[in-house]
Amino acid sequence: MSTRKDHWSSKAYTSAAGFVPKMTTKVVGYLDPQPTDKILDIGCGDAQLTAEIAKAVPEGKVLGVDASQSFITTAKENHSSIPNLSFILHDATDLQSSPPEILSGEWDKVFSNAAMHWILKHKSTRLEFFSNIHRALKPHGKFVFEMGGKGNVAEIQAATIAALVHAGIPIQEARDACPWFFPSSVWMENTLRERGFEVEVCETEYRPSALSERNSEGSGGIEGWVRLMCAQFLEVVPEGKREAVIREICEVVETVITREEDGGGFLGYVRLRAVARKM
């Protein structure tokens, strides 16, 4: 089990990025949950979407897996009334050491939404992750996911690295602090095939996404997004400089994310979706 710091909370996520589980029509359509399906959800978060999937498979079951104790606690509290839904606290970068139920080979489908760009950050564990997903599935089982693709929130990443450098962090250290991996569709398709999958769909979509409204707590708008999503970037900055770094990031990107007509903020999300079948 990973002992890494838990940056997440359901309240902060809802304030900063509550739009994420709502923009899932296409990937859930690809999942196509059937009444008897057994579905494994990797990186389930607080399970808002996972619970809806469980309701669509009344004769099957859904298991949500996440590395955040905060998320898993919230998921259990909010969805305990759904009888075919359960949760396990586990870091998906190390599925090899997961409870036997995860890699049982009993799953009709493995699903993941908005989580794999975190899970795949470290190059050393990427291929093993896909091998373990393959192992978890039944023969001909389906792996369906959506994550950030190449170019996702590029304005944030560039502004954050620059702000860290201005705060005295060496540029390579600033780059290495990035908590995400946003692959191209070509990289993903090649990797899935190398790990034994037949790729049915692999696509990217540019989808500008509206930020939540600013609030007095600093948990909404671009400030809330940066505080939550860039927390691992900010850890390498001396504590006394972090607020200045956050201000710089927000001020730099505000001009490129704000719509003139109504003042709304939109981040340049690029989504990578895939459907792959175990062969």
Protein backbone atom coordinates (compact mmCIF):
# COMPACT_ATOMS: atom_id res chain seq x y z
CA MET A 1 0.00 0.00 0.00
CA SER A 2 1.33 3.43 -0.91
CA THR A 3 2.11 5.82 1.93
CA ARG A 4 2.05 8.91 -0.30
CA LYS A 5 0.32 12.03 0.96
CA ASP A 6 -3.43 12.20 0.35
CA HIS A 7 -4.12 15.54 -1.36
CA TRP A 8 -7.78 14.81 -1.97
CA SER A 9 -11.06 15.66 -0.31
CA SER A 10 -14.52 15.22 -1.75
CA LYS A 11 -15.52 18.76 -0.71
CA ALA A 12 -12.51 20.39 -2.37
CA TYR A 13 -12.92 18.29 -5.52
CA THR A 14 -16.60 19.19 -5.82
CA SER A 15 -15.77 22.88 -5.38
CA ALA A 16 -12.90 22.93 -7.87
CA ALA A 17 -13.81 20.26 -10.43
CA GLY A 18 -17.37 19.13 -9.83
CA PHE A 19 -17.95 19.23 -13.57
CA VAL A 20 -15.72 16.20 -14.18
CA PRO A 21 -18.13 13.35 -13.23
CA LYS A 22 -20.95 15.14 -15.07
CA MET A 23 -19.22 15.14 -18.48
CA THR A 24 -19.16 11.39 -18.97
CA THR A 25 -21.97 10.61 -21.41
CA LYS A 26 -19.66 9.35 -24.14
CA VAL A 27 -17.36 7.18 -22.02
CA VAL A 28 -20.29 5.64 -20.12
CA GLY A 29 -21.89 4.95 -23.48
CA TYR A 30 -18.76 3.05 -24.47
CA LEU A 31 -18.89 1.13 -21.18
CA ASP A 32 -22.48 0.13 -21.98
CA PRO A 33 -23.22 -1.43 -18.57
CA GLN A 34 -25.47 -4.49 -18.77
CA PRO A 35 -27.63 -5.81 -15.89
CA THR A 36 -25.35 -8.74 -15.03
CA ASP A 37 -21.98 -7.04 -15.57
CA LYS A 38 -19.18 -7.24 -13.02
CA ILE A 39 -17.33 -3.93 -13.31
CA LEU A 40 -14.09 -2.77 -11.71
CA ASP A 41 -13.73 1.03 -11.43
CA ILE A 42 -10.10 2.15 -11.15
CA GLY A 43 -9.66 5.56 -9.52
CA CYS A 44 -13.29 5.84 -8.47
CA GLY A 45 -12.83 8.99 -6.37
CA ASP A 46 -15.87 9.72 -4.21
CA ALA A 47 -17.88 7.39 -6.47
CA GLN A 48 -20.56 9.73 -7.78
CA LEU A 49 -20.27 8.11 -11.21
CA THR A 50 -19.47 4.65 -9.81
CA ALA A 51 -22.78 4.62 -7.95
CA GLU A 52 -24.72 5.38 -11.12
CA ILE A 53 -22.95 2.53 -12.89
CA ALA A 54 -23.80 0.16 -10.02
CA LYS A 55 -27.48 1.06 -10.37
CA ALA A 56 -27.29 0.08 -14.04
CA VAL A 57 -26.08 -3.46 -13.20
CA PRO A 58 -28.63 -4.66 -10.59
CA GLU A 59 -27.77 -8.34 -11.09
CA GLY A 60 -24.03 -7.71 -11.30
CA LYS A 61 -21.59 -5.90 -9.04
CA VAL A 62 -19.22 -2.94 -9.04
CA LEU A 63 -15.98 -2.55 -7.09
CA GLY A 64 -14.47 0.93 -6.77
CA VAL A 65 -10.74 1.27 -6.12
CA ASP A 66 -8.96 4.47 -5.12
CA ALA A 67 -5.71 5.47 -3.39
CA SER A 68 -7.32 8.29 -1.40
CA GLN A 69 -8.57 7.45 2.08
CA SER A 70 -10.65 10.63 2.01
CA PHE A 71 -12.38 9.63 -1.21
CA ILE A 72 -13.01 6.04 -0.12
CA THR A 73 -14.43 7.18 3.23
CA THR A 74 -16.80 9.58 1.47
CA ALA A 75 -17.78 6.93 -1.08
CA LYS A 76 -18.69 4.44 1.66
CA GLU A 77 -20.64 7.05 3.62
CA ASN A 78 -22.63 8.28 0.62
CA HIS A 79 -23.34 5.00 -1.17
CA SER A 80 -23.72 2.36 1.55
CA SER A 81 -27.34 1.78 0.51
CA ILE A 82 -26.35 0.32 -2.87
CA PRO A 83 -26.06 -3.44 -2.21
CA ASN A 84 -23.96 -4.39 -5.24
CA LEU A 85 -21.35 -1.64 -4.74
CA SER A 86 -18.20 -1.99 -2.63
CA PHE A 87 -14.88 -0.20 -2.28
CA ILE A 88 -11.22 -0.97 -1.67
CA LEU A 89 -8.51 1.49 -0.66
CA HIS A 90 -5.53 0.72 -2.88
CA ASP A 91 -2.98 2.54 -5.02
CA ALA A 92 -3.56 1.59 -8.67
CA THR A 93 0.09 2.20 -9.52
CA ASP A 94 0.75 -1.06 -7.65
CA LEU A 95 -2.10 -3.39 -8.58
CA GLN A 96 0.33 -6.30 -8.36
CA SER A 97 0.07 -6.14 -4.56
CA SER A 98 -3.68 -5.53 -4.49
CA PRO A 99 -6.23 -7.78 -2.74
CA PRO A 100 -6.92 -10.96 -4.78
CA GLU A 101 -10.42 -9.79 -5.72
CA ILE A 102 -9.02 -7.06 -7.98
CA LEU A 103 -6.85 -9.33 -10.14
CA SER A 104 -9.23 -12.29 -10.00
CA GLY A 105 -9.90 -12.37 -13.73
CA GLU A 106 -13.65 -12.23 -13.04
CA TRP A 107 -14.40 -8.73 -14.34
CA ASP A 108 -16.49 -8.30 -17.45
CA LYS A 109 -15.35 -4.69 -17.72
CA VAL A 110 -12.74 -2.43 -16.20
CA PHE A 111 -13.59 1.27 -16.18
CA SER A 112 -11.68 4.43 -15.34
CA ASN A 113 -12.64 8.09 -15.63
CA ALA A 114 -10.35 11.09 -15.05
CA ALA A 115 -7.85 9.06 -13.04
CA MET A 116 -5.28 7.42 -15.29
CA HIS A 117 -3.30 10.60 -15.99
CA TRP A 118 -2.46 10.50 -12.26
CA ILE A 119 -1.92 6.73 -12.12
CA LEU A 120 0.46 6.70 -15.11
CA LYS A 121 2.70 9.55 -13.94
CA HIS A 122 5.71 7.34 -13.28
CA LYS A 123 7.18 5.75 -16.39
CA SER A 124 8.49 2.78 -14.40
CA THR A 125 4.98 1.53 -13.50
CA ARG A 126 3.04 2.29 -16.72
CA LEU A 127 3.40 -0.99 -18.58
CA GLU A 128 2.76 -3.06 -15.45
CA PHE A 129 -0.49 -1.15 -14.91
CA PHE A 130 -1.84 -2.22 -18.31
CA SER A 131 -0.67 -5.80 -17.79
CA ASN A 132 -2.57 -5.93 -14.51
CA ILE A 133 -5.74 -4.54 -16.07
CA HIS A 134 -5.45 -7.29 -18.69
CA ARG A 135 -5.05 -9.84 -15.90
CA ALA A 136 -8.12 -8.52 -14.05
CA LEU A 137 -10.46 -9.02 -17.02
CA LYS A 138 -12.27 -12.12 -18.18
CA PRO A 139 -11.30 -13.40 -21.63
CA HIS A 140 -12.71 -10.89 -24.15
CA GLY A 141 -13.49 -8.50 -21.29
CA LYS A 142 -13.53 -4.79 -22.05
CA PHE A 143 -11.34 -1.96 -20.74
CA VAL A 144 -13.03 1.44 -21.12
CA PHE A 145 -11.51 4.70 -19.94
CA GLU A 146 -11.25 8.44 -20.29
CA MET A 147 -8.28 10.51 -19.12
CA GLY A 148 -6.34 13.62 -19.97
CA GLY A 149 -4.70 13.44 -23.38
CA LYS A 150 -1.72 15.20 -24.94
CA GLY A 151 -2.13 18.96 -24.53
CA ASN A 152 -4.57 18.73 -21.62
CA VAL A 153 -4.56 21.92 -19.50
CA ALA A 154 -1.38 23.00 -21.29
CA GLU A 155 -1.88 26.60 -20.18
CA ILE A 156 -1.84 25.52 -16.53
CA GLN A 157 1.19 23.28 -16.90
CA ALA A 158 3.25 25.96 -18.67
CA ALA A 159 2.27 28.71 -16.21
CA THR A 160 2.96 26.48 -13.21
CA ILE A 161 6.41 25.41 -14.34
CA ALA A 162 7.28 29.05 -15.09
CA ALA A 163 6.03 30.19 -11.67
CA LEU A 164 8.10 27.52 -9.94
CA VAL A 165 11.20 28.62 -11.84
CA HIS A 166 10.53 32.23 -10.85
CA ALA A 167 10.36 31.02 -7.23
CA GLY A 168 13.87 29.57 -7.54
CA ILE A 169 13.09 25.94 -8.42
CA PRO A 170 15.42 24.52 -11.11
CA ILE A 171 13.49 23.95 -14.33
CA GLN A 172 14.05 20.18 -14.43
CA GLU A 173 12.86 19.85 -10.83
CA ALA A 174 9.80 21.90 -11.74
CA ARG A 175 9.07 19.63 -14.70
CA ASP A 176 9.58 16.50 -12.59
CA ALA A 177 7.09 17.82 -10.03
CA CYS A 178 4.29 17.56 -12.59
CA PRO A 179 1.81 14.99 -11.21
CA TRP A 180 0.31 14.06 -14.59
CA PHE A 181 1.02 12.03 -17.72
CA PHE A 182 -1.03 13.07 -20.74
CA PRO A 183 -0.29 10.64 -23.59
CA SER A 184 -1.20 10.91 -27.25
CA SER A 185 -3.70 8.54 -28.82
CA VAL A 186 -0.83 6.96 -30.78
CA TRP A 187 1.11 6.19 -27.59
CA MET A 188 -1.99 4.76 -25.96
CA GLU A 189 -3.03 2.59 -28.88
CA ASN A 190 0.48 1.16 -29.26
CA THR A 191 0.76 0.46 -25.52
CA LEU A 192 -2.61 -1.27 -25.31
CA ARG A 193 -1.70 -3.55 -28.21
CA GLU A 194 1.69 -4.34 -26.70
CA ARG A 195 -0.07 -5.42 -23.49
CA GLY A 196 -2.37 -7.86 -25.28
CA PHE A 197 -5.47 -5.77 -26.02
CA GLU A 198 -7.40 -5.38 -29.24
CA VAL A 199 -8.11 -1.66 -29.59
CA GLU A 200 -11.64 -0.89 -30.74
CA VAL A 201 -11.64 2.87 -30.06
CA CYS A 202 -8.85 5.31 -29.26
CA GLU A 203 -9.70 8.97 -29.73
CA THR A 204 -9.03 12.46 -28.43
CA GLU A 205 -11.41 15.38 -28.06
CA TYR A 206 -10.70 19.02 -27.29
CA ARG A 207 -13.31 19.93 -24.69
CA PRO A 208 -12.99 23.35 -23.06
CA SER A 209 -14.52 22.94 -19.60
CA ALA A 210 -16.13 25.63 -17.47
CA LEU A 211 -14.56 26.25 -14.09
CA SER A 212 -16.67 26.46 -10.98
CA GLU A 213 -17.45 29.92 -9.64
CA ARG A 214 -14.97 31.70 -7.41
CA ASN A 215 -15.72 31.72 -3.70
CA SER A 216 -14.37 33.40 -0.57
CA GLU A 217 -12.74 30.17 0.64
CA GLY A 218 -10.45 29.96 -2.39
CA SER A 219 -11.79 26.51 -3.28
CA GLY A 220 -13.62 27.54 -6.46
CA GLY A 221 -12.64 29.06 -9.78
CA ILE A 222 -9.10 28.91 -11.11
CA GLU A 223 -7.62 29.40 -7.63
CA GLY A 224 -9.43 26.37 -6.26
CA TRP A 225 -8.44 24.29 -9.27
CA VAL A 226 -4.76 25.21 -8.88
CA ARG A 227 -4.72 24.61 -5.13
CA LEU A 228 -6.17 21.11 -5.53
CA MET A 229 -4.88 19.82 -8.85
CA CYS A 230 -1.41 21.38 -8.62
CA ALA A 231 -0.81 20.43 -4.98
CA GLN A 232 2.11 18.15 -5.89
CA PHE A 233 3.71 20.91 -7.96
CA LEU A 234 3.41 23.26 -4.99
CA GLU A 235 5.04 20.82 -2.57
CA VAL A 236 8.48 21.56 -4.06
CA VAL A 237 8.06 25.29 -3.37
CA PRO A 238 9.17 26.61 0.06
CA GLU A 239 6.06 27.16 2.14
CA GLY A 240 6.66 30.89 2.43
CA LYS A 241 6.56 31.29 -1.35
CA ARG A 242 3.54 29.11 -2.18
CA GLU A 243 0.85 31.79 -2.01
CA ALA A 244 2.85 34.02 -4.35
CA VAL A 245 3.27 31.12 -6.77
CA ILE A 246 -0.47 30.40 -6.72
CA ARG A 247 -1.22 34.08 -7.40
CA GLU A 248 1.21 34.15 -10.31
CA ILE A 249 -0.27 31.04 -11.93
CA CYS A 250 -3.80 32.39 -11.63
CA GLU A 251 -2.90 35.86 -12.91
CA VAL A 252 -0.98 34.48 -15.90
CA VAL A 253 -3.66 32.06 -17.08
CA GLU A 254 -6.63 34.29 -16.33
CA THR A 255 -6.21 36.26 -19.56
CA VAL A 256 -6.29 33.12 -21.72
CA ILE A 257 -9.08 31.23 -19.95
CA THR A 258 -11.60 34.05 -19.42
CA ARG A 259 -14.41 34.66 -21.91
CA GLU A 260 -14.90 38.35 -22.64
CA GLU A 261 -18.66 38.09 -23.04
CA ASP A 262 -19.46 36.84 -19.54
CA GLY A 263 -16.24 36.54 -17.54
CA GLY A 264 -16.54 32.75 -17.30
CA GLY A 265 -13.38 30.68 -17.00
CA PHE A 266 -12.72 27.70 -19.29
CA LEU A 267 -9.74 25.35 -19.11
CA GLY A 268 -8.43 23.65 -22.25
CA TYR A 269 -9.25 20.04 -21.46
CA VAL A 270 -8.17 17.39 -23.97
CA ARG A 271 -9.81 14.04 -23.32
CA LEU A 272 -8.38 10.71 -24.41
CA ARG A 273 -10.90 7.86 -24.57
CA ALA A 274 -10.36 4.23 -25.43
CA VAL A 275 -12.14 0.91 -25.63
CA ALA A 276 -9.88 -2.14 -25.64
CA ARG A 277 -10.71 -5.82 -25.40
CA LYS A 278 -8.67 -8.57 -23.75
CA MET A 279 -7.50 -11.08 -26.30
